[in-house]
Amino acid sequence: MIMIDVLIPPLDESFDLEIDETITLKDFVNKLTDIVENVRNVRFRCKEFGLFSFTKGEFIKEGESFELQGIRNGERLVLV
């Protein structure tokens, strides 16, 4: 398990989350958007999102786990 910080610009909020580093981008985004929709009582019109890593300076790839892509504790990501 690792702790990451995810910034969601349309909400102007960030969320600190503990995740399993073996999760893939698609599974993570689905879980994240479900949590945010329930907690903030909002609905995302689009379910197609990407994650950008500030540390790595690149987007997270869809088919590989966070662990294989070098996402570590304290990583700051942006949902776009």
C-alpha atoms as a PDB file:
ATOM      1  CA  MET A   1       0.000   0.000   0.000  1.00  0.00           C
ATOM      2  CA  ILE A   2       1.186   3.489  -0.832  1.00  0.00           C
ATOM      3  CA  MET A   3      -0.098   6.987  -0.032  1.00  0.00           C
ATOM      4  CA  ILE A   4      -0.664   9.347  -2.957  1.00  0.00           C
ATOM      5  CA  ASP A   5      -2.145  12.810  -3.388  1.00  0.00           C
ATOM      6  CA  VAL A   6      -4.554  13.334  -6.292  1.00  0.00           C
ATOM      7  CA  LEU A   7      -5.460  16.845  -7.415  1.00  0.00           C
ATOM      8  CA  ILE A   8      -8.809  17.271  -9.174  1.00  0.00           C
ATOM      9  CA  PRO A   9      -8.703  20.713 -10.832  1.00  0.00           C
ATOM     10  CA  PRO A  10     -12.446  21.128 -11.624  1.00  0.00           C
ATOM     11  CA  LEU A  11     -13.206  20.719  -7.917  1.00  0.00           C
ATOM     12  CA  ASP A  12     -10.112  22.676  -6.833  1.00  0.00           C
ATOM     13  CA  GLU A  13      -9.453  19.909  -4.304  1.00  0.00           C
ATOM     14  CA  SER A  14      -6.902  17.246  -3.626  1.00  0.00           C
ATOM     15  CA  PHE A  15      -7.433  13.878  -1.999  1.00  0.00           C
ATOM     16  CA  ASP A  16      -4.900  11.870  -0.007  1.00  0.00           C
ATOM     17  CA  LEU A  17      -5.471   8.206  -0.736  1.00  0.00           C
ATOM     18  CA  GLU A  18      -3.974   4.910   0.306  1.00  0.00           C
ATOM     19  CA  ILE A  19      -3.918   2.530  -2.646  1.00  0.00           C
ATOM     20  CA  ASP A  20      -2.610  -0.870  -3.596  1.00  0.00           C
ATOM     21  CA  GLU A  21       0.367  -0.226  -5.865  1.00  0.00           C
ATOM     22  CA  THR A  22      -0.654  -3.150  -8.087  1.00  0.00           C
ATOM     23  CA  ILE A  23      -3.814  -1.312  -9.222  1.00  0.00           C
ATOM     24  CA  THR A  24      -4.088  -0.237 -12.857  1.00  0.00           C
ATOM     25  CA  LEU A  25      -5.054   3.213 -14.065  1.00  0.00           C
ATOM     26  CA  LYS A  26      -8.551   2.209 -15.195  1.00  0.00           C
ATOM     27  CA  ASP A  27      -9.433   0.520 -11.890  1.00  0.00           C
ATOM     28  CA  PHE A  28      -7.999   3.409  -9.897  1.00  0.00           C
ATOM     29  CA  VAL A  29      -9.866   6.089 -11.852  1.00  0.00           C
ATOM     30  CA  ASN A  30     -13.141   4.158 -11.530  1.00  0.00           C
ATOM     31  CA  LYS A  31     -12.710   3.880  -7.758  1.00  0.00           C
ATOM     32  CA  LEU A  32     -11.571   7.487  -7.402  1.00  0.00           C
ATOM     33  CA  THR A  33     -14.458   8.956  -9.373  1.00  0.00           C
ATOM     34  CA  ASP A  34     -16.957   6.811  -7.438  1.00  0.00           C
ATOM     35  CA  ILE A  35     -15.521   8.043  -4.133  1.00  0.00           C
ATOM     36  CA  VAL A  36     -15.485  11.694  -5.207  1.00  0.00           C
ATOM     37  CA  GLU A  37     -19.009  11.532  -6.614  1.00  0.00           C
ATOM     38  CA  ASN A  38     -20.314  10.102  -3.342  1.00  0.00           C
ATOM     39  CA  VAL A  39     -18.303  12.278  -0.962  1.00  0.00           C
ATOM     40  CA  ARG A  40     -18.772  15.595  -2.802  1.00  0.00           C
ATOM     41  CA  ASN A  41     -22.208  14.835  -4.250  1.00  0.00           C
ATOM     42  CA  VAL A  42     -21.126  15.632  -7.814  1.00  0.00           C
ATOM     43  CA  ARG A  43     -21.423  13.732 -11.080  1.00  0.00           C
ATOM     44  CA  PHE A  44     -18.677  13.574 -13.669  1.00  0.00           C
ATOM     45  CA  ARG A  45     -20.060  13.811 -17.195  1.00  0.00           C
ATOM     46  CA  CYS A  46     -17.077  12.011 -18.646  1.00  0.00           C
ATOM     47  CA  LYS A  47     -15.593   8.774 -17.331  1.00  0.00           C
ATOM     48  CA  GLU A  48     -12.495   8.957 -19.556  1.00  0.00           C
ATOM     49  CA  PHE A  49      -9.679  10.404 -17.464  1.00  0.00           C
ATOM     50  CA  GLY A  50      -5.921  10.395 -17.369  1.00  0.00           C
ATOM     51  CA  LEU A  51      -3.499  10.834 -14.481  1.00  0.00           C
ATOM     52  CA  PHE A  52      -0.457  13.045 -14.754  1.00  0.00           C
ATOM     53  CA  SER A  53       2.489  12.539 -12.404  1.00  0.00           C
ATOM     54  CA  PHE A  54       4.225  15.750 -11.275  1.00  0.00           C
ATOM     55  CA  THR A  55       7.294  13.812 -10.169  1.00  0.00           C
ATOM     56  CA  LYS A  56       7.724  11.851 -13.385  1.00  0.00           C
ATOM     57  CA  GLY A  57       6.473  14.633 -15.671  1.00  0.00           C
ATOM     58  CA  GLU A  58       4.354  12.207 -17.681  1.00  0.00           C
ATOM     59  CA  PHE A  59       0.973  10.530 -17.855  1.00  0.00           C
ATOM     60  CA  ILE A  60       0.384   7.192 -16.136  1.00  0.00           C
ATOM     61  CA  LYS A  61       0.053   4.373 -18.670  1.00  0.00           C
ATOM     62  CA  GLU A  62      -3.249   2.528 -18.763  1.00  0.00           C
ATOM     63  CA  GLY A  63      -2.168  -1.106 -18.962  1.00  0.00           C
ATOM     64  CA  GLU A  64       0.530  -1.255 -16.265  1.00  0.00           C
ATOM     65  CA  SER A  65       0.291  -1.194 -12.486  1.00  0.00           C
ATOM     66  CA  PHE A  66       1.346   1.896 -10.579  1.00  0.00           C
ATOM     67  CA  GLU A  67       4.194  -0.148  -9.098  1.00  0.00           C
ATOM     68  CA  LEU A  68       5.635  -1.029 -12.528  1.00  0.00           C
ATOM     69  CA  GLN A  69       5.483   2.637 -13.508  1.00  0.00           C
ATOM     70  CA  GLY A  70       7.463   3.768 -10.484  1.00  0.00           C
ATOM     71  CA  ILE A  71       4.635   5.425  -8.572  1.00  0.00           C
ATOM     72  CA  ARG A  72       5.788   5.616  -4.953  1.00  0.00           C
ATOM     73  CA  ASN A  73       4.693   6.906  -1.572  1.00  0.00           C
ATOM     74  CA  GLY A  74       3.945  10.624  -1.579  1.00  0.00           C
ATOM     75  CA  GLU A  75       3.417  10.820  -5.337  1.00  0.00           C
ATOM     76  CA  ARG A  76       1.344  13.812  -6.460  1.00  0.00           C
ATOM     77  CA  LEU A  77      -0.973  13.108  -9.396  1.00  0.00           C
ATOM     78  CA  VAL A  78      -3.453  15.240 -11.320  1.00  0.00           C
ATOM     79  CA  LEU A  79      -6.721  13.853 -12.692  1.00  0.00           C
ATOM     80  CA  VAL A  80      -7.258  15.257 -16.181  1.00  0.00           C
END
